[in-house]
Protein backbone atom coordinates (compact mmCIF):
# COMPACT_ATOMS: atom_id res chain seq x y z
CA MET A 1 -0.56 0.07 0.19
CA GLY A 2 3.17 2.48 0.15
CA ASN A 3 3.95 4.24 2.49
CA LEU A 4 1.56 4.80 5.19
CA ASP A 5 2.03 8.55 7.77
CA PRO A 6 0.71 6.70 10.89
CA ARG A 7 -0.09 10.28 11.73
CA ASN A 8 -3.16 10.18 9.21
CA THR A 9 -6.40 9.50 10.65
CA THR A 10 -7.83 7.17 7.88
CA GLU A 11 -8.42 4.44 9.19
CA PHE A 12 -10.91 1.52 7.07
CA LEU A 13 -11.61 -2.59 7.27
CA LEU A 14 -11.79 -5.21 5.00
CA GLN A 15 -13.73 -7.79 4.00
CA GLU A 16 -12.16 -11.13 2.98
CA ASN A 17 -13.81 -14.53 2.62
CA ASN A 18 -16.04 -13.75 4.85
CA ARG A 19 -14.63 -12.46 7.82
CA LEU A 20 -13.56 -9.15 9.07
CA VAL A 21 -9.67 -7.97 8.10
CA THR A 22 -8.46 -5.29 9.82
CA ASN A 23 -6.70 -2.48 8.91
CA LEU A 24 -5.97 0.68 10.88
CA ILE A 25 -3.77 3.33 10.07
CA SER A 26 -4.90 5.68 13.36
CA ALA A 27 -5.09 5.06 17.26
CA SER A 28 -7.44 7.27 17.23
CA GLY A 29 -10.39 5.51 18.13
CA GLY A 30 -15.10 5.91 17.13
CA GLY A 31 -16.79 7.35 14.71
CA SER A 32 -20.21 10.16 14.78
CA ALA A 33 -23.56 8.68 14.69
CA THR A 34 -25.24 9.22 11.65
CA ASN A 35 -28.08 11.32 10.36
CA SER A 36 -28.18 9.88 6.71
CA ALA A 37 -26.65 7.28 4.19
CA THR A 38 -27.05 7.88 0.34
CA SER A 39 -27.18 4.39 -1.86
CA THR A 40 -25.90 4.41 -4.56
CA VAL A 41 -23.98 2.60 -7.80
CA ALA A 42 -20.42 2.94 -10.23
CA SER A 43 -20.63 1.33 -13.80
CA ILE A 44 -18.06 -0.46 -13.63
CA SER A 45 -14.32 0.47 -15.82
CA ASN A 46 -11.16 0.14 -17.12
CA ALA A 47 -10.31 4.09 -17.17
CA ALA A 48 -10.12 5.82 -13.23
CA VAL A 49 -13.89 6.21 -12.01
CA GLN A 50 -15.01 9.06 -9.08
CA LEU A 51 -17.10 6.12 -7.02
CA LEU A 52 -17.24 9.37 -4.43
CA ALA A 53 -16.73 12.48 -4.24
CA ALA A 54 -14.75 14.62 -1.38
CA ASN A 55 -17.49 15.35 1.75
CA GLY A 56 -16.47 17.83 4.66
CA ASN A 57 -19.75 15.69 6.38
CA ARG A 58 -19.02 11.21 5.39
CA VAL A 59 -18.95 10.06 8.71
CA GLU A 60 -18.64 6.23 6.83
CA ALA A 61 -18.04 5.46 3.55
CA VAL A 62 -19.23 1.60 1.85
CA VAL A 63 -17.41 0.40 -1.18
CA PHE A 64 -18.72 -3.15 -2.29
CA ASN A 65 -17.10 -4.68 -5.54
CA ASP A 66 -19.97 -5.90 -7.11
CA SER A 67 -17.73 -7.16 -9.63
CA THR A 68 -16.24 -10.74 -11.28
CA ALA A 69 -13.28 -8.16 -10.95
CA ASN A 70 -10.22 -6.43 -8.92
CA LEU A 71 -10.82 -3.11 -8.36
CA TYR A 72 -8.14 -0.71 -7.69
CA LEU A 73 -9.43 1.43 -5.43
CA LYS A 74 -6.97 5.04 -4.23
CA LEU A 75 -7.89 6.87 -1.57
CA GLY A 76 -7.68 10.78 -3.72
CA THR A 77 -7.66 10.92 -6.91
CA GLY A 78 -7.10 8.50 -10.48
CA ALA A 79 -6.41 5.46 -9.30
CA THR A 80 -4.51 2.76 -11.66
CA GLN A 81 -3.27 -0.66 -11.09
CA SER A 82 -0.10 0.66 -10.21
CA ASP A 83 -1.63 3.69 -7.64
CA PHE A 84 -3.77 2.70 -5.33
CA THR A 85 -4.43 2.56 -1.78
CA LEU A 86 -5.56 -1.36 -2.02
CA ILE A 87 -7.34 -4.00 -4.13
CA LEU A 88 -11.14 -5.28 -3.37
CA LYS A 89 -11.36 -8.82 -4.94
CA PRO A 90 -14.31 -9.93 -6.50
CA GLN A 91 -17.70 -9.20 -3.92
CA GLU A 92 -15.33 -8.02 -1.15
CA ALA A 93 -16.21 -4.60 1.16
CA LEU A 94 -13.97 -1.85 1.99
CA VAL A 95 -15.17 0.37 4.55
CA VAL A 96 -13.89 3.18 5.22
CA ASP A 97 -13.72 6.00 8.47
CA LYS A 98 -12.25 9.25 9.13
CA TYR A 99 -11.75 9.45 5.55
CA SER A 100 -13.34 12.74 3.50
CA GLY A 101 -11.63 13.27 0.10
CA ASP A 102 -12.45 11.50 -3.58
CA ILE A 103 -11.91 8.27 -3.61
CA TYR A 104 -11.50 6.52 -7.01
CA GLY A 105 -11.66 3.28 -8.02
CA ILE A 106 -10.44 1.35 -11.63
CA TRP A 107 -11.37 -2.58 -12.47
CA SER A 108 -8.52 -5.42 -13.15
CA ALA A 109 -11.57 -6.46 -16.59
CA THR A 110 -15.52 -4.44 -17.01
CA ASN A 111 -17.69 -7.33 -15.35
CA GLY A 112 -20.21 -5.61 -12.99
CA ASN A 113 -20.45 -2.65 -10.19
CA ALA A 114 -19.29 -0.71 -7.49
CA ARG A 115 -22.14 -0.27 -4.49
CA LEU A 116 -21.33 2.21 -2.75
CA THR A 117 -22.90 3.80 0.66
CA GLU A 118 -21.71 6.74 2.24
CA THR A 119 -23.29 8.18 5.73
CA SER A 120 -23.26 11.62 7.28
């Protein structure tokens, strides 16, 4: 995943093979209560796609790779298959906590969608 700053307050959870794997990049705890949730579907592409725009009110985001292809996900702009934060394998989900910036993705093949839920 590259060089990670341990002072970064980004925390994310990755579900792999029906078990929850926690990747913690911060020692800070818990999120806030949410008032609303918005769900969208992003169509698969072999070019970088903005899955979620920056949102200062975001409490949490869930990304589900509803595809048979790997999703190269980037916290930031312009994901590529060589410049990404992590890879979501087919049918994996990611919960992004304490990150309000852009989230981009690109797939290894064009088959399926990303299902997104953002709470604020």
